[in-house]
PDB file of N, CA and C in Angstrom:
ATOM      1  N   MET A   1       2.604 -17.499 -25.623  1.00  0.00           N
ATOM      2  CA  MET A   1       2.279 -16.716 -24.450  1.00  0.00           C
ATOM      3  C   MET A   1       1.562 -17.607 -23.436  1.00  0.00           C
ATOM      4  N   PRO A   2       2.091 -17.764 -22.228  1.00  0.00           N
ATOM      5  CA  PRO A   2       1.432 -18.621 -21.233  1.00  0.00           C
ATOM      6  C   PRO A   2       0.157 -17.965 -20.708  1.00  0.00           C
ATOM      7  N   THR A   3      -0.795 -18.804 -20.331  1.00  0.00           N
ATOM      8  CA  THR A   3      -2.032 -18.274 -19.769  1.00  0.00           C
ATOM      9  C   THR A   3      -1.786 -17.814 -18.346  1.00  0.00           C
ATOM     10  N   ARG A   4      -2.532 -16.802 -17.937  1.00  0.00           N
ATOM     11  CA  ARG A   4      -2.399 -16.273 -16.583  1.00  0.00           C
ATOM     12  C   ARG A   4      -3.485 -16.866 -15.695  1.00  0.00           C
ATOM     13  N   LEU A   5      -3.105 -17.139 -14.458  1.00  0.00           N
ATOM     14  CA  LEU A   5      -4.052 -17.669 -13.485  1.00  0.00           C
ATOM     15  C   LEU A   5      -4.043 -16.741 -12.277  1.00  0.00           C
ATOM     16  N   GLU A   6      -5.213 -16.221 -11.932  1.00  0.00           N
ATOM     17  CA  GLU A   6      -5.345 -15.331 -10.787  1.00  0.00           C
ATOM     18  C   GLU A   6      -6.278 -15.981  -9.778  1.00  0.00           C
ATOM     19  N   ARG A   7      -5.930 -15.879  -8.505  1.00  0.00           N
ATOM     20  CA  ARG A   7      -6.817 -16.352  -7.429  1.00  0.00           C
ATOM     21  C   ARG A   7      -7.419 -15.130  -6.764  1.00  0.00           C
ATOM     22  N   LEU A   8      -8.750 -15.118  -6.684  1.00  0.00           N
ATOM     23  CA  LEU A   8      -9.473 -13.968  -6.152  1.00  0.00           C
ATOM     24  C   LEU A   8     -10.550 -14.415  -5.177  1.00  0.00           C
ATOM     25  N   PRO A   9     -10.811 -13.631  -4.137  1.00  0.00           N
ATOM     26  CA  PRO A   9     -11.992 -13.911  -3.319  1.00  0.00           C
ATOM     27  C   PRO A   9     -13.249 -13.539  -4.110  1.00  0.00           C
ATOM     28  N   CYS A  10     -14.351 -14.192  -3.783  1.00  0.00           N
ATOM     29  CA  CYS A  10     -15.590 -13.920  -4.499  1.00  0.00           C
ATOM     30  C   CYS A  10     -16.792 -14.139  -3.592  1.00  0.00           C
ATOM     31  N   THR A  11     -17.934 -13.655  -4.046  1.00  0.00           N
ATOM     32  CA  THR A  11     -19.207 -13.851  -3.370  1.00  0.00           C
ATOM     33  C   THR A  11     -20.097 -14.689  -4.282  1.00  0.00           C
ATOM     34  N   VAL A  12     -20.678 -15.733  -3.732  1.00  0.00           N
ATOM     35  CA  VAL A  12     -21.607 -16.590  -4.479  1.00  0.00           C
ATOM     36  C   VAL A  12     -22.983 -16.408  -3.862  1.00  0.00           C
ATOM     37  N   GLU A  13     -23.937 -15.999  -4.681  1.00  0.00           N
ATOM     38  CA  GLU A  13     -25.312 -15.817  -4.217  1.00  0.00           C
ATOM     39  C   GLU A  13     -26.192 -16.856  -4.910  1.00  0.00           C
ATOM     40  N   VAL A  14     -26.914 -17.647  -4.110  1.00  0.00           N
ATOM     41  CA  VAL A  14     -27.757 -18.726  -4.645  1.00  0.00           C
ATOM     42  C   VAL A  14     -29.174 -18.535  -4.122  1.00  0.00           C
ATOM     43  N   GLU A  15     -30.146 -18.612  -5.029  1.00  0.00           N
ATOM     44  CA  GLU A  15     -31.556 -18.552  -4.629  1.00  0.00           C
ATOM     45  C   GLU A  15     -32.284 -19.746  -5.222  1.00  0.00           C
ATOM     46  N   HIS A  16     -33.097 -20.412  -4.385  1.00  0.00           N
ATOM     47  CA  HIS A  16     -33.853 -21.595  -4.791  1.00  0.00           C
ATOM     48  C   HIS A  16     -35.273 -21.435  -4.255  1.00  0.00           C
ATOM     49  N   THR A  17     -36.068 -20.652  -4.985  1.00  0.00           N
ATOM     50  CA  THR A  17     -37.448 -20.385  -4.572  1.00  0.00           C
ATOM     51  C   THR A  17     -38.390 -20.694  -5.725  1.00  0.00           C
ATOM     52  N   SER A  18     -39.692 -20.538  -5.476  1.00  0.00           N
ATOM     53  CA  SER A  18     -40.655 -20.771  -6.552  1.00  0.00           C
ATOM     54  C   SER A  18     -40.551 -19.691  -7.627  1.00  0.00           C
ATOM     55  N   ASP A  19     -40.005 -18.529  -7.280  1.00  0.00           N
ATOM     56  CA  ASP A  19     -39.859 -17.445  -8.254  1.00  0.00           C
ATOM     57  C   ASP A  19     -38.523 -17.466  -8.979  1.00  0.00           C
ATOM     58  N   ASN A  20     -37.459 -17.926  -8.323  1.00  0.00           N
ATOM     59  CA  ASN A  20     -36.115 -17.865  -8.905  1.00  0.00           C
ATOM     60  C   ASN A  20     -35.303 -19.109  -8.565  1.00  0.00           C
ATOM     61  N   LEU A  21     -34.473 -19.484  -9.526  1.00  0.00           N
ATOM     62  CA  LEU A  21     -33.471 -20.518  -9.313  1.00  0.00           C
ATOM     63  C   LEU A  21     -32.212 -20.037 -10.019  1.00  0.00           C
ATOM     64  N   TYR A  22     -31.237 -19.556  -9.247  1.00  0.00           N
ATOM     65  CA  TYR A  22     -30.034 -19.022  -9.861  1.00  0.00           C
ATOM     66  C   TYR A  22     -28.843 -19.107  -8.914  1.00  0.00           C
ATOM     67  N   ALA A  23     -27.666 -18.956  -9.508  1.00  0.00           N
ATOM     68  CA  ALA A  23     -26.419 -18.818  -8.758  1.00  0.00           C
ATOM     69  C   ALA A  23     -25.591 -17.763  -9.485  1.00  0.00           C
ATOM     70  N   HIS A  24     -25.198 -16.724  -8.771  1.00  0.00           N
ATOM     71  CA  HIS A  24     -24.379 -15.651  -9.328  1.00  0.00           C
ATOM     72  C   HIS A  24     -23.052 -15.603  -8.589  1.00  0.00           C
ATOM     73  N   VAL A  25     -21.994 -15.364  -9.333  1.00  0.00           N
ATOM     74  CA  VAL A  25     -20.664 -15.219  -8.747  1.00  0.00           C
ATOM     75  C   VAL A  25     -20.171 -13.812  -9.068  1.00  0.00           C
ATOM     76  N   VAL A  26     -19.727 -13.101  -8.042  1.00  0.00           N
ATOM     77  CA  VAL A  26     -19.149 -11.766  -8.215  1.00  0.00           C
ATOM     78  C   VAL A  26     -17.722 -11.815  -7.681  1.00  0.00           C
ATOM     79  N   LEU A  27     -16.762 -11.573  -8.568  1.00  0.00           N
ATOM     80  CA  LEU A  27     -15.357 -11.581  -8.184  1.00  0.00           C
ATOM     81  C   LEU A  27     -14.990 -10.254  -7.533  1.00  0.00           C
ATOM     82  N   ASP A  28     -14.272 -10.301  -6.427  1.00  0.00           N
ATOM     83  CA  ASP A  28     -13.824  -9.074  -5.763  1.00  0.00           C
ATOM     84  C   ASP A  28     -12.892  -8.297  -6.684  1.00  0.00           C
ATOM     85  N   GLY A  29     -13.022  -6.989  -6.666  1.00  0.00           N
ATOM     86  CA  GLY A  29     -12.192  -6.146  -7.520  1.00  0.00           C
ATOM     87  C   GLY A  29     -12.786  -5.960  -8.897  1.00  0.00           C
ATOM     88  N   ASP A  30     -13.874  -6.670  -9.209  1.00  0.00           N
ATOM     89  CA  ASP A  30     -14.575  -6.567 -10.488  1.00  0.00           C
ATOM     90  C   ASP A  30     -13.635  -6.620 -11.696  1.00  0.00           C
ATOM     91  N   PRO A  31     -12.836  -7.692 -11.835  1.00  0.00           N
ATOM     92  CA  PRO A  31     -11.937  -7.787 -12.992  1.00  0.00           C
ATOM     93  C   PRO A  31     -12.734  -7.965 -14.279  1.00  0.00           C
ATOM     94  N   GLU A  32     -12.183  -7.502 -15.369  1.00  0.00           N
ATOM     95  CA  GLU A  32     -12.836  -7.655 -16.665  1.00  0.00           C
ATOM     96  C   GLU A  32     -12.732  -9.111 -17.113  1.00  0.00           C
ATOM     97  N   ILE A  33     -13.875  -9.720 -17.428  1.00  0.00           N
ATOM     98  CA  ILE A  33     -13.907 -11.090 -17.946  1.00  0.00           C
ATOM     99  C   ILE A  33     -14.075 -10.977 -19.458  1.00  0.00           C
ATOM    100  N   ARG A  34     -13.144 -11.528 -20.199  1.00  0.00           N
ATOM    101  CA  ARG A  34     -13.160 -11.421 -21.664  1.00  0.00           C
ATOM    102  C   ARG A  34     -13.482 -12.782 -22.277  1.00  0.00           C
ATOM    103  N   PRO A  35     -13.825 -12.810 -23.555  1.00  0.00           N
ATOM    104  CA  PRO A  35     -14.151 -14.077 -24.216  1.00  0.00           C
ATOM    105  C   PRO A  35     -13.026 -15.097 -24.049  1.00  0.00           C
ATOM    106  N   GLY A  36     -13.397 -16.306 -23.670  1.00  0.00           N
ATOM    107  CA  GLY A  36     -12.437 -17.394 -23.506  1.00  0.00           C
ATOM    108  C   GLY A  36     -11.905 -17.541 -22.094  1.00  0.00           C
ATOM    109  N   ASP A  37     -12.053 -16.515 -21.252  1.00  0.00           N
ATOM    110  CA  ASP A  37     -11.604 -16.616 -19.864  1.00  0.00           C
ATOM    111  C   ASP A  37     -12.477 -17.621 -19.121  1.00  0.00           C
ATOM    112  N   GLN A  38     -11.917 -18.268 -18.109  1.00  0.00           N
ATOM    113  CA  GLN A  38     -12.652 -19.254 -17.323  1.00  0.00           C
ATOM    114  C   GLN A  38     -12.550 -18.931 -15.842  1.00  0.00           C
ATOM    115  N   VAL A  39     -13.665 -19.103 -15.130  1.00  0.00           N
ATOM    116  CA  VAL A  39     -13.712 -18.881 -13.688  1.00  0.00           C
ATOM    117  C   VAL A  39     -14.091 -20.200 -13.028  1.00  0.00           C
ATOM    118  N   HIS A  40     -13.299 -20.596 -12.022  1.00  0.00           N
ATOM    119  CA  HIS A  40     -13.562 -21.816 -11.261  1.00  0.00           C
ATOM    120  C   HIS A  40     -13.669 -21.437  -9.789  1.00  0.00           C
ATOM    121  N   VAL A  41     -14.839 -21.709  -9.179  1.00  0.00           N
ATOM    122  CA  VAL A  41     -15.057 -21.395  -7.773  1.00  0.00           C
ATOM    123  C   VAL A  41     -14.650 -22.607  -6.942  1.00  0.00           C
ATOM    124  N   HIS A  42     -13.824 -22.387  -5.927  1.00  0.00           N
ATOM    125  CA  HIS A  42     -13.316 -23.459  -5.078  1.00  0.00           C
ATOM    126  C   HIS A  42     -14.177 -23.611  -3.824  1.00  0.00           C
ATOM    127  N   GLY A  43     -14.171 -24.802  -3.256  1.00  0.00           N
ATOM    128  CA  GLY A  43     -14.870 -25.057  -2.003  1.00  0.00           C
ATOM    129  C   GLY A  43     -15.836 -26.213  -2.125  1.00  0.00           C
ATOM    130  N   ASP A  44     -16.497 -26.494  -1.022  1.00  0.00           N
ATOM    131  CA  ASP A  44     -17.473 -27.578  -0.990  1.00  0.00           C
ATOM    132  C   ASP A  44     -18.671 -27.251  -1.876  1.00  0.00           C
ATOM    133  N   PRO A  45     -19.355 -28.281  -2.382  1.00  0.00           N
ATOM    134  CA  PRO A  45     -20.570 -28.036  -3.175  1.00  0.00           C
ATOM    135  C   PRO A  45     -21.599 -27.252  -2.344  1.00  0.00           C
ATOM    136  N   ILE A  46     -22.360 -26.431  -3.029  1.00  0.00           N
ATOM    137  CA  ILE A  46     -23.369 -25.600  -2.375  1.00  0.00           C
ATOM    138  C   ILE A  46     -24.743 -26.203  -2.624  1.00  0.00           C
ATOM    139  N   ALA A  47     -25.503 -26.383  -1.553  1.00  0.00           N
ATOM    140  CA  ALA A  47     -26.885 -26.861  -1.655  1.00  0.00           C
ATOM    141  C   ALA A  47     -27.753 -25.924  -0.822  1.00  0.00           C
ATOM    142  N   VAL A  48     -28.719 -25.303  -1.456  1.00  0.00           N
ATOM    143  CA  VAL A  48     -29.628 -24.379  -0.774  1.00  0.00           C
ATOM    144  C   VAL A  48     -31.018 -25.001  -0.785  1.00  0.00           C
ATOM    145  N   PRO A  49     -31.615 -25.189   0.375  1.00  0.00           N
ATOM    146  CA  PRO A  49     -32.958 -25.779   0.434  1.00  0.00           C
ATOM    147  C   PRO A  49     -33.991 -24.910  -0.283  1.00  0.00           C
ATOM    148  N   PHE A  50     -35.049 -25.552  -0.757  1.00  0.00           N
ATOM    149  CA  PHE A  50     -36.113 -24.834  -1.458  1.00  0.00           C
ATOM    150  C   PHE A  50     -36.690 -23.750  -0.550  1.00  0.00           C
ATOM    151  N   GLY A  51     -36.933 -22.594  -1.149  1.00  0.00           N
ATOM    152  CA  GLY A  51     -37.518 -21.475  -0.421  1.00  0.00           C
ATOM    153  C   GLY A  51     -36.495 -20.550   0.209  1.00  0.00           C
ATOM    154  N   GLU A  52     -35.206 -20.805  -0.016  1.00  0.00           N
ATOM    155  CA  GLU A  52     -34.176 -19.992   0.632  1.00  0.00           C
ATOM    156  C   GLU A  52     -33.255 -19.323  -0.375  1.00  0.00           C
ATOM    157  N   ARG A  53     -32.617 -18.267   0.114  1.00  0.00           N
ATOM    158  CA  ARG A  53     -31.593 -17.547  -0.640  1.00  0.00           C
ATOM    159  C   ARG A  53     -30.410 -17.356   0.305  1.00  0.00           C
ATOM    160  N   ARG A  54     -29.210 -17.737  -0.159  1.00  0.00           N
ATOM    161  CA  ARG A  54     -28.025 -17.661   0.699  1.00  0.00           C
ATOM    162  C   ARG A  54     -26.846 -17.048  -0.058  1.00  0.00           C
ATOM    163  N   THR A  55     -25.947 -16.475   0.726  1.00  0.00           N
ATOM    164  CA  THR A  55     -24.734 -15.877   0.180  1.00  0.00           C
ATOM    165  C   THR A  55     -23.528 -16.540   0.839  1.00  0.00           C
ATOM    166  N   PHE A  56     -22.510 -16.863   0.032  1.00  0.00           N
ATOM    167  CA  PHE A  56     -21.311 -17.541   0.502  1.00  0.00           C
ATOM    168  C   PHE A  56     -20.083 -16.753   0.061  1.00  0.00           C
ATOM    169  N   ARG A  57     -19.021 -16.804   0.853  1.00  0.00           N
ATOM    170  CA  ARG A  57     -17.729 -16.258   0.466  1.00  0.00           C
ATOM    171  C   ARG A  57     -16.823 -17.424   0.091  1.00  0.00           C
ATOM    172  N   ARG A  58     -16.211 -17.331  -1.067  1.00  0.00           N
ATOM    173  CA  ARG A  58     -15.330 -18.390  -1.574  1.00  0.00           C
ATOM    174  C   ARG A  58     -14.106 -17.765  -2.236  1.00  0.00           C
ATOM    175  N   THR A  59     -13.234 -18.627  -2.706  1.00  0.00           N
ATOM    176  CA  THR A  59     -12.088 -18.233  -3.518  1.00  0.00           C
ATOM    177  C   THR A  59     -12.309 -18.778  -4.919  1.00  0.00           C
ATOM    178  N   ALA A  60     -11.932 -17.991  -5.901  1.00  0.00           N
ATOM    179  CA  ALA A  60     -12.102 -18.406  -7.297  1.00  0.00           C
ATOM    180  C   ALA A  60     -10.774 -18.263  -8.034  1.00  0.00           C
ATOM    181  N   SER A  61     -10.595 -19.096  -9.062  1.00  0.00           N
ATOM    182  CA  SER A  61      -9.446 -18.985  -9.962  1.00  0.00           C
ATOM    183  C   SER A  61      -9.957 -18.428 -11.280  1.00  0.00           C
ATOM    184  N   LEU A  62      -9.283 -17.400 -11.765  1.00  0.00           N
ATOM    185  CA  LEU A  62      -9.609 -16.803 -13.061  1.00  0.00           C
ATOM    186  C   LEU A  62      -8.471 -17.115 -14.004  1.00  0.00           C
ATOM    187  N   ARG A  63      -8.758 -17.941 -15.018  1.00  0.00           N
ATOM    188  CA  ARG A  63      -7.737 -18.303 -16.014  1.00  0.00           C
ATOM    189  C   ARG A  63      -7.976 -17.474 -17.258  1.00  0.00           C
ATOM    190  N   ARG A  64      -7.018 -16.663 -17.596  1.00  0.00           N
ATOM    191  CA  ARG A  64      -7.101 -15.796 -18.771  1.00  0.00           C
ATOM    192  C   ARG A  64      -6.800 -16.586 -20.037  1.00  0.00           C
ATOM    193  N   ALA A  65      -7.604 -16.370 -21.052  1.00  0.00           N
ATOM    194  CA  ALA A  65      -7.395 -17.033 -22.340  1.00  0.00           C
ATOM    195  C   ALA A  65      -6.273 -16.339 -23.105  1.00  0.00           C
ATOM    196  N   GLY A  66      -5.565 -17.126 -23.909  1.00  0.00           N
ATOM    197  CA  GLY A  66      -4.547 -16.564 -24.792  1.00  0.00           C
ATOM    198  C   GLY A  66      -5.196 -16.001 -26.040  1.00  0.00           C
ATOM    199  N   PRO A  67      -4.426 -15.349 -26.903  1.00  0.00           N
ATOM    200  CA  PRO A  67      -4.985 -14.721 -28.107  1.00  0.00           C
ATOM    201  C   PRO A  67      -5.706 -15.702 -29.038  1.00  0.00           C
ATOM    202  N   LEU A  68      -5.142 -16.888 -29.254  1.00  0.00           N
ATOM    203  CA  LEU A  68      -5.769 -17.857 -30.146  1.00  0.00           C
ATOM    204  C   LEU A  68      -7.083 -18.374 -29.562  1.00  0.00           C
ATOM    205  N   GLU A  69      -7.075 -18.682 -28.280  1.00  0.00           N
ATOM    206  CA  GLU A  69      -8.284 -19.160 -27.613  1.00  0.00           C
ATOM    207  C   GLU A  69      -9.378 -18.086 -27.614  1.00  0.00           C
ATOM    208  N   ARG A  70      -8.995 -16.827 -27.416  1.00  0.00           N
ATOM    209  CA  ARG A  70      -9.946 -15.712 -27.435  1.00  0.00           C
ATOM    210  C   ARG A  70     -10.561 -15.566 -28.829  1.00  0.00           C
ATOM    211  N   PHE A  71      -9.719 -15.662 -29.885  1.00  0.00           N
ATOM    212  CA  PHE A  71     -10.206 -15.581 -31.258  1.00  0.00           C
ATOM    213  C   PHE A  71     -11.194 -16.715 -31.543  1.00  0.00           C
ATOM    214  N   TRP A  72     -10.844 -17.943 -31.144  1.00  0.00           N
ATOM    215  CA  TRP A  72     -11.710 -19.092 -31.395  1.00  0.00           C
ATOM    216  C   TRP A  72     -13.052 -18.940 -30.681  1.00  0.00           C
ATOM    217  N   THR A  73     -13.042 -18.434 -29.464  1.00  0.00           N
ATOM    218  CA  THR A  73     -14.282 -18.235 -28.710  1.00  0.00           C
ATOM    219  C   THR A  73     -15.180 -17.234 -29.419  1.00  0.00           C
ATOM    220  N   ARG A  74     -14.620 -16.129 -29.883  1.00  0.00           N
ATOM    221  CA  ARG A  74     -15.420 -15.122 -30.602  1.00  0.00           C
ATOM    222  C   ARG A  74     -15.984 -15.697 -31.900  1.00  0.00           C
ATOM    223  N   LEU A  75     -15.168 -16.425 -32.649  1.00  0.00           N
ATOM    224  CA  LEU A  75     -15.608 -16.998 -33.916  1.00  0.00           C
ATOM    225  C   LEU A  75     -16.730 -18.009 -33.700  1.00  0.00           C
ATOM    226  N   SER A  76     -16.553 -18.929 -32.772  1.00  0.00           N
ATOM    227  CA  SER A  76     -17.584 -19.952 -32.548  1.00  0.00           C
ATOM    228  C   SER A  76     -18.866 -19.326 -31.997  1.00  0.00           C
ATOM    229  N   ALA A  77     -18.775 -18.256 -31.223  1.00  0.00           N
ATOM    230  CA  ALA A  77     -19.976 -17.583 -30.728  1.00  0.00           C
ATOM    231  C   ALA A  77     -20.760 -16.967 -31.874  1.00  0.00           C
ATOM    232  N   ARG A  78     -20.077 -16.367 -32.832  1.00  0.00           N
ATOM    233  CA  ARG A  78     -20.775 -15.784 -33.994  1.00  0.00           C
ATOM    234  C   ARG A  78     -21.449 -16.869 -34.834  1.00  0.00           C
ATOM    235  N   LEU A  79     -20.779 -18.007 -35.002  1.00  0.00           N
ATOM    236  CA  LEU A  79     -21.369 -19.087 -35.796  1.00  0.00           C
ATOM    237  C   LEU A  79     -22.591 -19.670 -35.092  1.00  0.00           C
ATOM    238  N   GLU A  80     -22.529 -19.813 -33.779  1.00  0.00           N
ATOM    239  CA  GLU A  80     -23.678 -20.339 -33.034  1.00  0.00           C
ATOM    240  C   GLU A  80     -24.841 -19.360 -33.062  1.00  0.00           C
ATOM    241  N   LEU A  81     -24.561 -18.076 -32.994  1.00  0.00           N
ATOM    242  CA  LEU A  81     -25.612 -17.061 -33.054  1.00  0.00           C
ATOM    243  C   LEU A  81     -26.306 -17.088 -34.410  1.00  0.00           C
ATOM    244  N   SER A  82     -25.549 -17.333 -35.479  1.00  0.00           N
ATOM    245  CA  SER A  82     -26.151 -17.331 -36.812  1.00  0.00           C
ATOM    246  C   SER A  82     -27.142 -18.485 -36.986  1.00  0.00           C
ATOM    247  N   GLU A  83     -27.031 -19.543 -36.182  1.00  0.00           N
ATOM    248  CA  GLU A  83     -28.003 -20.631 -36.259  1.00  0.00           C
ATOM    249  C   GLU A  83     -29.396 -20.158 -35.876  1.00  0.00           C
ATOM    250  N   LEU A  84     -29.490 -19.143 -35.044  1.00  0.00           N
ATOM    251  CA  LEU A  84     -30.786 -18.618 -34.632  1.00  0.00           C
ATOM    252  C   LEU A  84     -31.509 -17.926 -35.777  1.00  0.00           C
ATOM    253  N   TYR A  85     -30.778 -17.442 -36.763  1.00  0.00           N
ATOM    254  CA  TYR A  85     -31.388 -16.738 -37.888  1.00  0.00           C
ATOM    255  C   TYR A  85     -32.244 -17.655 -38.745  1.00  0.00           C
ATOM    256  N   GLU A  86     -32.068 -18.960 -38.634  1.00  0.00           N
ATOM    257  CA  GLU A  86     -32.791 -19.911 -39.483  1.00  0.00           C
ATOM    258  C   GLU A  86     -34.146 -20.306 -38.912  1.00  0.00           C
ATOM    259  N   VAL A  87     -34.553 -19.686 -37.820  1.00  0.00           N
ATOM    260  CA  VAL A  87     -35.827 -20.011 -37.196  1.00  0.00           C
ATOM    261  C   VAL A  87     -36.953 -19.342 -37.974  1.00  0.00           C
ATOM    262  N   SER A  88     -38.021 -20.073 -38.213  1.00  0.00           N
ATOM    263  CA  SER A  88     -39.174 -19.539 -38.907  1.00  0.00           C
ATOM    264  C   SER A  88     -40.297 -19.286 -37.920  1.00  0.00           C
ATOM    265  N   PHE A  89     -40.959 -18.155 -38.056  1.00  0.00           N
ATOM    266  CA  PHE A  89     -42.040 -17.809 -37.157  1.00  0.00           C
ATOM    267  C   PHE A  89     -43.411 -17.923 -37.829  1.00  0.00           C
ATOM    268  N   THR A  90     -43.495 -18.618 -38.945  1.00  0.00           N
ATOM    269  CA  THR A  90     -44.784 -18.808 -39.610  1.00  0.00           C
ATOM    270  C   THR A  90     -45.516 -19.975 -38.984  1.00  0.00           C
ATOM    271  N   SER A  91     -46.828 -19.934 -39.027  1.00  0.00           N
ATOM    272  CA  SER A  91     -47.622 -20.971 -38.388  1.00  0.00           C
ATOM    273  C   SER A  91     -47.649 -22.271 -39.193  1.00  0.00           C
ATOM    274  N   GLY A  92     -47.352 -22.206 -40.474  1.00  0.00           N
ATOM    275  CA  GLY A  92     -47.352 -23.405 -41.288  1.00  0.00           C
ATOM    276  C   GLY A  92     -48.716 -23.765 -41.842  1.00  0.00           C
ATOM    277  N   ARG A  93     -49.729 -23.013 -41.522  1.00  0.00           N
ATOM    278  CA  ARG A  93     -51.069 -23.288 -42.051  1.00  0.00           C
ATOM    279  C   ARG A  93     -51.511 -22.128 -42.941  1.00  0.00           C
ATOM    280  N   ARG A  94     -52.363 -22.435 -43.873  1.00  0.00           N
ATOM    281  CA  ARG A  94     -52.865 -21.416 -44.796  1.00  0.00           C
ATOM    282  C   ARG A  94     -54.247 -20.965 -44.364  1.00  0.00           C
ATOM    283  N   LEU A  95     -54.489 -19.704 -44.463  1.00  0.00           N
ATOM    284  CA  LEU A  95     -55.804 -19.167 -44.103  1.00  0.00           C
ATOM    285  C   LEU A  95     -56.686 -19.054 -45.307  1.00  0.00           C
TER     286      LEU A  95
END
């Protein structure tokens, strides 16, 4: 089964302040993003000066994962999550 590639307009919101440092992408039409899918935003690199928050309109490519790739993504995510179970919260000292 060939992978599907969709081109969609999107909104990129970037904030670079003392309180927040983030970049969010919202695809128009709110398509469902499933495990293994990839989103690539096209256009020039975005640089936001410190203390500012800006919004940009861009085009993005959404590449849908095939069944095998989706299965592998779910499996590897579960294995990576299980590594967190091995964390110990004891102080290591005796009272």
